Amino acid sequence: MRTAGPCAEAPKRDNVRMVADDVVTANLLATHLGMTRQNVARLPAEAVIEQRSDGYYDETASRLRYIKHLREVKDENDLR
């Protein structure tokens, strides 16, 4: 019998649910990122994030790519 302790494994996440919860509309992504829907619509055109073929966005991938973009812009500005 296993007991919870420092070596206990974390419960596995439900991959199907994780994917379904991660797909969001432009409005929900805008709220998540703290911007307008219009700014979210601009980001795929600038190759910052990707819009899925069904018009939705992967929330986690979009957030991570947007953070990476902000860091790159900051680094460019720091070099000036």
PDB file of N, CA and C in Angstrom:
ATOM      1  N   MET A   1       0.845  -1.181   0.000  1.00  0.00           N
ATOM      2  CA  MET A   1       0.000   0.000   0.000  1.00  0.00           C
ATOM      3  C   MET A   1       0.884   1.234   0.000  1.00  0.00           C
ATOM      4  N   ARG A   2       0.603   2.175  -0.896  1.00  0.00           N
ATOM      5  CA  ARG A   2       1.388   3.404  -0.981  1.00  0.00           C
ATOM      6  C   ARG A   2       0.747   4.481  -0.129  1.00  0.00           C
ATOM      7  N   THR A   3       1.576   5.265   0.471  1.00  0.00           N
ATOM      8  CA  THR A   3       1.084   6.388   1.252  1.00  0.00           C
ATOM      9  C   THR A   3       1.575   7.674   0.620  1.00  0.00           C
ATOM     10  N   ALA A   4       0.851   8.725   0.843  1.00  0.00           N
ATOM     11  CA  ALA A   4       1.253  10.031   0.313  1.00  0.00           C
ATOM     12  C   ALA A   4       2.498  10.497   1.043  1.00  0.00           C
ATOM     13  N   GLY A   5       3.452  10.912   0.317  1.00  0.00           N
ATOM     14  CA  GLY A   5       4.706  11.385   0.893  1.00  0.00           C
ATOM     15  C   GLY A   5       5.507  12.105  -0.173  1.00  0.00           C
ATOM     16  N   PRO A   6       6.742  12.399   0.111  1.00  0.00           N
ATOM     17  CA  PRO A   6       7.534  13.150  -0.846  1.00  0.00           C
ATOM     18  C   PRO A   6       7.751  12.421  -2.163  1.00  0.00           C
ATOM     19  N   CYS A   7       7.642  11.104  -2.179  1.00  0.00           N
ATOM     20  CA  CYS A   7       7.877  10.329  -3.395  1.00  0.00           C
ATOM     21  C   CYS A   7       6.577   9.944  -4.089  1.00  0.00           C
ATOM     22  N   ALA A   8       5.441  10.342  -3.545  1.00  0.00           N
ATOM     23  CA  ALA A   8       4.159   9.986  -4.142  1.00  0.00           C
ATOM     24  C   ALA A   8       3.994  10.694  -5.481  1.00  0.00           C
ATOM     25  N   GLU A   9       3.427   9.976  -6.439  1.00  0.00           N
ATOM     26  CA  GLU A   9       3.213  10.551  -7.762  1.00  0.00           C
ATOM     27  C   GLU A   9       1.970  11.425  -7.745  1.00  0.00           C
ATOM     28  N   ALA A  10       2.036  12.509  -8.512  1.00  0.00           N
ATOM     29  CA  ALA A  10       0.879  13.389  -8.649  1.00  0.00           C
ATOM     30  C   ALA A  10      -0.150  12.689  -9.524  1.00  0.00           C
ATOM     31  N   PRO A  11      -1.431  12.945  -9.290  1.00  0.00           N
ATOM     32  CA  PRO A  11      -2.444  12.330 -10.141  1.00  0.00           C
ATOM     33  C   PRO A  11      -2.294  12.830 -11.577  1.00  0.00           C
ATOM     34  N   LYS A  12      -2.533  11.937 -12.540  1.00  0.00           N
ATOM     35  CA  LYS A  12      -2.416  12.317 -13.943  1.00  0.00           C
ATOM     36  C   LYS A  12      -3.607  13.178 -14.338  1.00  0.00           C
ATOM     37  N   ARG A  13      -3.332  14.163 -15.209  1.00  0.00           N
ATOM     38  CA  ARG A  13      -4.407  15.020 -15.697  1.00  0.00           C
ATOM     39  C   ARG A  13      -5.144  14.313 -16.818  1.00  0.00           C
ATOM     40  N   ASP A  14      -6.392  14.627 -16.946  1.00  0.00           N
ATOM     41  CA  ASP A  14      -7.217  14.093 -18.020  1.00  0.00           C
ATOM     42  C   ASP A  14      -6.875  14.871 -19.291  1.00  0.00           C
ATOM     43  N   ASN A  15      -6.124  14.255 -20.216  1.00  0.00           N
ATOM     44  CA  ASN A  15      -5.659  14.948 -21.408  1.00  0.00           C
ATOM     45  C   ASN A  15      -6.797  15.438 -22.293  1.00  0.00           C
ATOM     46  N   VAL A  16      -7.876  14.699 -22.381  1.00  0.00           N
ATOM     47  CA  VAL A  16      -9.000  15.122 -23.199  1.00  0.00           C
ATOM     48  C   VAL A  16      -9.598  16.396 -22.622  1.00  0.00           C
ATOM     49  N   ARG A  17      -9.796  16.426 -21.328  1.00  0.00           N
ATOM     50  CA  ARG A  17     -10.376  17.605 -20.696  1.00  0.00           C
ATOM     51  C   ARG A  17      -9.416  18.781 -20.781  1.00  0.00           C
ATOM     52  N   MET A  18      -8.116  18.526 -20.603  1.00  0.00           N
ATOM     53  CA  MET A  18      -7.128  19.590 -20.650  1.00  0.00           C
ATOM     54  C   MET A  18      -7.174  20.281 -22.009  1.00  0.00           C
ATOM     55  N   VAL A  19      -7.278  19.530 -23.082  1.00  0.00           N
ATOM     56  CA  VAL A  19      -7.309  20.113 -24.411  1.00  0.00           C
ATOM     57  C   VAL A  19      -8.603  20.891 -24.616  1.00  0.00           C
ATOM     58  N   ALA A  20      -9.725  20.322 -24.219  1.00  0.00           N
ATOM     59  CA  ALA A  20     -11.006  20.983 -24.426  1.00  0.00           C
ATOM     60  C   ALA A  20     -11.080  22.294 -23.644  1.00  0.00           C
ATOM     61  N   ASP A  21     -10.554  22.334 -22.424  1.00  0.00           N
ATOM     62  CA  ASP A  21     -10.587  23.553 -21.625  1.00  0.00           C
ATOM     63  C   ASP A  21      -9.598  24.593 -22.131  1.00  0.00           C
ATOM     64  N   ASP A  22      -8.621  24.169 -22.894  1.00  0.00           N
ATOM     65  CA  ASP A  22      -7.552  25.038 -23.350  1.00  0.00           C
ATOM     66  C   ASP A  22      -7.914  25.769 -24.642  1.00  0.00           C
ATOM     67  N   VAL A  23      -8.964  25.355 -25.313  1.00  0.00           N
ATOM     68  CA  VAL A  23      -9.389  25.975 -26.561  1.00  0.00           C
ATOM     69  C   VAL A  23     -10.408  27.057 -26.225  1.00  0.00           C
ATOM     70  N   VAL A  24     -10.080  28.309 -26.621  1.00  0.00           N
ATOM     71  CA  VAL A  24     -10.923  29.440 -26.224  1.00  0.00           C
ATOM     72  C   VAL A  24     -11.216  30.347 -27.410  1.00  0.00           C
ATOM     73  N   THR A  25     -12.221  31.176 -27.243  1.00  0.00           N
ATOM     74  CA  THR A  25     -12.564  32.179 -28.248  1.00  0.00           C
ATOM     75  C   THR A  25     -11.618  33.374 -28.124  1.00  0.00           C
ATOM     76  N   ALA A  26     -11.675  34.250 -29.110  1.00  0.00           N
ATOM     77  CA  ALA A  26     -10.858  35.466 -29.074  1.00  0.00           C
ATOM     78  C   ALA A  26     -11.233  36.323 -27.864  1.00  0.00           C
ATOM     79  N   ASN A  27     -12.526  36.377 -27.524  1.00  0.00           N
ATOM     80  CA  ASN A  27     -12.954  37.169 -26.369  1.00  0.00           C
ATOM     81  C   ASN A  27     -12.388  36.620 -25.060  1.00  0.00           C
ATOM     82  N   LEU A  28     -12.425  35.305 -24.894  1.00  0.00           N
ATOM     83  CA  LEU A  28     -11.884  34.710 -23.670  1.00  0.00           C
ATOM     84  C   LEU A  28     -10.365  34.856 -23.599  1.00  0.00           C
ATOM     85  N   LEU A  29      -9.691  34.715 -24.732  1.00  0.00           N
ATOM     86  CA  LEU A  29      -8.243  34.893 -24.746  1.00  0.00           C
ATOM     87  C   LEU A  29      -7.889  36.346 -24.433  1.00  0.00           C
ATOM     88  N   ALA A  30      -8.661  37.273 -24.963  1.00  0.00           N
ATOM     89  CA  ALA A  30      -8.425  38.692 -24.674  1.00  0.00           C
ATOM     90  C   ALA A  30      -8.550  38.971 -23.182  1.00  0.00           C
ATOM     91  N   THR A  31      -9.570  38.426 -22.564  1.00  0.00           N
ATOM     92  CA  THR A  31      -9.748  38.592 -21.116  1.00  0.00           C
ATOM     93  C   THR A  31      -8.576  37.972 -20.368  1.00  0.00           C
ATOM     94  N   HIS A  32      -8.158  36.796 -20.795  1.00  0.00           N
ATOM     95  CA  HIS A  32      -7.053  36.089 -20.151  1.00  0.00           C
ATOM     96  C   HIS A  32      -5.745  36.880 -20.255  1.00  0.00           C
ATOM     97  N   LEU A  33      -5.510  37.505 -21.416  1.00  0.00           N
ATOM     98  CA  LEU A  33      -4.270  38.249 -21.636  1.00  0.00           C
ATOM     99  C   LEU A  33      -4.365  39.717 -21.217  1.00  0.00           C
ATOM    100  N   GLY A  34      -5.550  40.162 -20.854  1.00  0.00           N
ATOM    101  CA  GLY A  34      -5.731  41.547 -20.421  1.00  0.00           C
ATOM    102  C   GLY A  34      -5.663  42.540 -21.554  1.00  0.00           C
ATOM    103  N   MET A  35      -6.298  42.210 -22.676  1.00  0.00           N
ATOM    104  CA  MET A  35      -6.305  43.100 -23.839  1.00  0.00           C
ATOM    105  C   MET A  35      -7.658  43.021 -24.525  1.00  0.00           C
ATOM    106  N   THR A  36      -7.817  43.776 -25.579  1.00  0.00           N
ATOM    107  CA  THR A  36      -9.080  43.757 -26.320  1.00  0.00           C
ATOM    108  C   THR A  36      -9.099  42.616 -27.327  1.00  0.00           C
ATOM    109  N   ARG A  37     -10.293  42.258 -27.766  1.00  0.00           N
ATOM    110  CA  ARG A  37     -10.442  41.227 -28.790  1.00  0.00           C
ATOM    111  C   ARG A  37      -9.752  41.660 -30.078  1.00  0.00           C
ATOM    112  N   GLN A  38      -9.781  42.951 -30.373  1.00  0.00           N
ATOM    113  CA  GLN A  38      -9.139  43.464 -31.579  1.00  0.00           C
ATOM    114  C   GLN A  38      -7.625  43.250 -31.532  1.00  0.00           C
ATOM    115  N   ASN A  39      -7.032  43.414 -30.358  1.00  0.00           N
ATOM    116  CA  ASN A  39      -5.593  43.152 -30.230  1.00  0.00           C
ATOM    117  C   ASN A  39      -5.291  41.676 -30.409  1.00  0.00           C
ATOM    118  N   VAL A  40      -6.155  40.812 -29.900  1.00  0.00           N
ATOM    119  CA  VAL A  40      -5.968  39.369 -30.098  1.00  0.00           C
ATOM    120  C   VAL A  40      -6.034  39.052 -31.588  1.00  0.00           C
ATOM    121  N   ALA A  41      -6.957  39.662 -32.312  1.00  0.00           N
ATOM    122  CA  ALA A  41      -7.091  39.422 -33.751  1.00  0.00           C
ATOM    123  C   ALA A  41      -5.855  39.908 -34.516  1.00  0.00           C
ATOM    124  N   ARG A  42      -5.160  40.901 -34.002  1.00  0.00           N
ATOM    125  CA  ARG A  42      -3.960  41.448 -34.642  1.00  0.00           C
ATOM    126  C   ARG A  42      -2.751  40.533 -34.456  1.00  0.00           C
ATOM    127  N   LEU A  43      -2.686  39.820 -33.341  1.00  0.00           N
ATOM    128  CA  LEU A  43      -1.504  39.015 -33.011  1.00  0.00           C
ATOM    129  C   LEU A  43      -1.201  37.888 -34.015  1.00  0.00           C
ATOM    130  N   PRO A  44      -2.190  37.153 -34.542  1.00  0.00           N
ATOM    131  CA  PRO A  44      -1.849  36.150 -35.562  1.00  0.00           C
ATOM    132  C   PRO A  44      -1.288  36.789 -36.838  1.00  0.00           C
ATOM    133  N   ALA A  45      -1.785  37.956 -37.198  1.00  0.00           N
ATOM    134  CA  ALA A  45      -1.283  38.648 -38.392  1.00  0.00           C
ATOM    135  C   ALA A  45       0.178  39.045 -38.227  1.00  0.00           C
ATOM    136  N   GLU A  46       0.594  39.277 -36.991  1.00  0.00           N
ATOM    137  CA  GLU A  46       1.980  39.630 -36.695  1.00  0.00           C
ATOM    138  C   GLU A  46       2.816  38.403 -36.335  1.00  0.00           C
ATOM    139  N   ALA A  47       2.241  37.216 -36.489  1.00  0.00           N
ATOM    140  CA  ALA A  47       2.906  35.933 -36.201  1.00  0.00           C
ATOM    141  C   ALA A  47       3.346  35.817 -34.743  1.00  0.00           C
ATOM    142  N   VAL A  48       2.593  36.440 -33.837  1.00  0.00           N
ATOM    143  CA  VAL A  48       2.886  36.327 -32.410  1.00  0.00           C
ATOM    144  C   VAL A  48       2.217  35.084 -31.851  1.00  0.00           C
ATOM    145  N   ILE A  49       0.945  34.868 -32.188  1.00  0.00           N
ATOM    146  CA  ILE A  49       0.212  33.674 -31.771  1.00  0.00           C
ATOM    147  C   ILE A  49      -0.424  33.048 -33.007  1.00  0.00           C
ATOM    148  N   GLU A  50      -0.942  31.853 -32.847  1.00  0.00           N
ATOM    149  CA  GLU A  50      -1.596  31.155 -33.959  1.00  0.00           C
ATOM    150  C   GLU A  50      -3.080  30.975 -33.672  1.00  0.00           C
ATOM    151  N   GLN A  51      -3.876  31.233 -34.700  1.00  0.00           N
ATOM    152  CA  GLN A  51      -5.304  30.956 -34.610  1.00  0.00           C
ATOM    153  C   GLN A  51      -5.554  29.596 -35.253  1.00  0.00           C
ATOM    154  N   ARG A  52      -6.345  28.770 -34.595  1.00  0.00           N
ATOM    155  CA  ARG A  52      -6.661  27.451 -35.133  1.00  0.00           C
ATOM    156  C   ARG A  52      -7.531  27.578 -36.378  1.00  0.00           C
ATOM    157  N   SER A  53      -7.584  26.533 -37.173  1.00  0.00           N
ATOM    158  CA  SER A  53      -8.385  26.555 -38.399  1.00  0.00           C
ATOM    159  C   SER A  53      -9.873  26.740 -38.123  1.00  0.00           C
ATOM    160  N   ASP A  54     -10.320  26.391 -36.898  1.00  0.00           N
ATOM    161  CA  ASP A  54     -11.732  26.565 -36.548  1.00  0.00           C
ATOM    162  C   ASP A  54     -12.022  27.948 -35.952  1.00  0.00           C
ATOM    163  N   GLY A  55     -11.008  28.823 -35.924  1.00  0.00           N
ATOM    164  CA  GLY A  55     -11.202  30.183 -35.433  1.00  0.00           C
ATOM    165  C   GLY A  55     -10.938  30.368 -33.953  1.00  0.00           C
ATOM    166  N   TYR A  56     -10.663  29.284 -33.241  1.00  0.00           N
ATOM    167  CA  TYR A  56     -10.397  29.360 -31.809  1.00  0.00           C
ATOM    168  C   TYR A  56      -8.891  29.457 -31.565  1.00  0.00           C
ATOM    169  N   TYR A  57      -8.536  29.630 -30.293  1.00  0.00           N
ATOM    170  CA  TYR A  57      -7.134  29.774 -29.900  1.00  0.00           C
ATOM    171  C   TYR A  57      -6.798  28.769 -28.807  1.00  0.00           C
ATOM    172  N   ASP A  58      -5.578  28.282 -28.821  1.00  0.00           N
ATOM    173  CA  ASP A  58      -5.072  27.446 -27.738  1.00  0.00           C
ATOM    174  C   ASP A  58      -4.577  28.416 -26.667  1.00  0.00           C
ATOM    175  N   GLU A  59      -5.265  28.438 -25.537  1.00  0.00           N
ATOM    176  CA  GLU A  59      -4.992  29.427 -24.502  1.00  0.00           C
ATOM    177  C   GLU A  59      -3.559  29.335 -23.968  1.00  0.00           C
ATOM    178  N   THR A  60      -3.115  28.147 -23.629  1.00  0.00           N
ATOM    179  CA  THR A  60      -1.774  27.994 -23.060  1.00  0.00           C
ATOM    180  C   THR A  60      -0.702  28.347 -24.077  1.00  0.00           C
ATOM    181  N   ALA A  61      -0.794  27.819 -25.284  1.00  0.00           N
ATOM    182  CA  ALA A  61       0.202  28.117 -26.313  1.00  0.00           C
ATOM    183  C   ALA A  61       0.218  29.605 -26.636  1.00  0.00           C
ATOM    184  N   SER A  62      -0.959  30.220 -26.704  1.00  0.00           N
ATOM    185  CA  SER A  62      -1.038  31.649 -27.009  1.00  0.00           C
ATOM    186  C   SER A  62      -0.413  32.478 -25.898  1.00  0.00           C
ATOM    187  N   ARG A  63      -0.700  32.118 -24.653  1.00  0.00           N
ATOM    188  CA  ARG A  63      -0.121  32.847 -23.522  1.00  0.00           C
ATOM    189  C   ARG A  63       1.400  32.753 -23.532  1.00  0.00           C
ATOM    190  N   LEU A  64       1.917  31.552 -23.728  1.00  0.00           N
ATOM    191  CA  LEU A  64       3.365  31.366 -23.721  1.00  0.00           C
ATOM    192  C   LEU A  64       4.035  32.099 -24.879  1.00  0.00           C
ATOM    193  N   ARG A  65       3.419  32.055 -26.052  1.00  0.00           N
ATOM    194  CA  ARG A  65       3.992  32.763 -27.204  1.00  0.00           C
ATOM    195  C   ARG A  65       3.917  34.278 -27.011  1.00  0.00           C
ATOM    196  N   TYR A  66       2.846  34.755 -26.400  1.00  0.00           N
ATOM    197  CA  TYR A  66       2.719  36.193 -26.158  1.00  0.00           C
ATOM    198  C   TYR A  66       3.760  36.658 -25.140  1.00  0.00           C
ATOM    199  N   ILE A  67       3.984  35.883 -24.096  1.00  0.00           N
ATOM    200  CA  ILE A  67       5.019  36.222 -23.107  1.00  0.00           C
ATOM    201  C   ILE A  67       6.389  36.240 -23.776  1.00  0.00           C
ATOM    202  N   LYS A  68       6.652  35.248 -24.624  1.00  0.00           N
ATOM    203  CA  LYS A  68       7.929  35.206 -25.355  1.00  0.00           C
ATOM    204  C   LYS A  68       8.071  36.461 -26.217  1.00  0.00           C
ATOM    205  N   HIS A  69       7.007  36.842 -26.886  1.00  0.00           N
ATOM    206  CA  HIS A  69       7.018  38.053 -27.722  1.00  0.00           C
ATOM    207  C   HIS A  69       7.335  39.294 -26.880  1.00  0.00           C
ATOM    208  N   LEU A  70       6.689  39.417 -25.728  1.00  0.00           N
ATOM    209  CA  LEU A  70       6.937  40.575 -24.868  1.00  0.00           C
ATOM    210  C   LEU A  70       8.392  40.619 -24.409  1.00  0.00           C
ATOM    211  N   ARG A  71       8.946  39.466 -24.091  1.00  0.00           N
ATOM    212  CA  ARG A  71      10.358  39.412 -23.681  1.00  0.00           C
ATOM    213  C   ARG A  71      11.280  39.814 -24.824  1.00  0.00           C
ATOM    214  N   GLU A  72      10.966  39.359 -26.042  1.00  0.00           N
ATOM    215  CA  GLU A  72      11.789  39.712 -27.195  1.00  0.00           C
ATOM    216  C   GLU A  72      11.734  41.214 -27.465  1.00  0.00           C
ATOM    217  N   VAL A  73      10.549  41.800 -27.365  1.00  0.00           N
ATOM    218  CA  VAL A  73      10.405  43.244 -27.568  1.00  0.00           C
ATOM    219  C   VAL A  73      11.188  44.003 -26.506  1.00  0.00           C
ATOM    220  N   LYS A  74      11.107  43.539 -25.265  1.00  0.00           N
ATOM    221  CA  LYS A  74      11.842  44.182 -24.178  1.00  0.00           C
ATOM    222  C   LYS A  74      13.344  44.098 -24.427  1.00  0.00           C
ATOM    223  N   ASP A  75      13.822  42.919 -24.832  1.00  0.00           N
ATOM    224  CA  ASP A  75      15.248  42.750 -25.097  1.00  0.00           C
ATOM    225  C   ASP A  75      15.714  43.669 -26.230  1.00  0.00           C
ATOM    226  N   GLU A  76      14.881  43.802 -27.280  1.00  0.00           N
ATOM    227  CA  GLU A  76      15.218  44.710 -28.387  1.00  0.00           C
ATOM    228  C   GLU A  76      15.306  46.153 -27.888  1.00  0.00           C
ATOM    229  N   ASN A  77      14.374  46.536 -27.036  1.00  0.00           N
ATOM    230  CA  ASN A  77      14.373  47.903 -26.510  1.00  0.00           C
ATOM    231  C   ASN A  77      15.551  48.141 -25.577  1.00  0.00           C
ATOM    232  N   ASP A  78      15.977  47.116 -24.843  1.00  0.00           N
ATOM    233  CA  ASP A  78      17.105  47.252 -23.941  1.00  0.00           C
ATOM    234  C   ASP A  78      18.409  47.448 -24.702  1.00  0.00           C
ATOM    235  N   LEU A  79      18.479  46.936 -25.932  1.00  0.00           N
ATOM    236  CA  LEU A  79      19.698  47.073 -26.728  1.00  0.00           C
ATOM    237  C   LEU A  79      19.863  48.474 -27.309  1.00  0.00           C
ATOM    238  N   ARG A  80      18.802  49.242 -27.332  1.00  0.00           N
ATOM    239  CA  ARG A  80      18.852  50.591 -27.919  1.00  0.00           C
ATOM    240  C   ARG A  80      19.429  51.591 -26.978  1.00  0.00           C
TER     241      ARG A  80
END
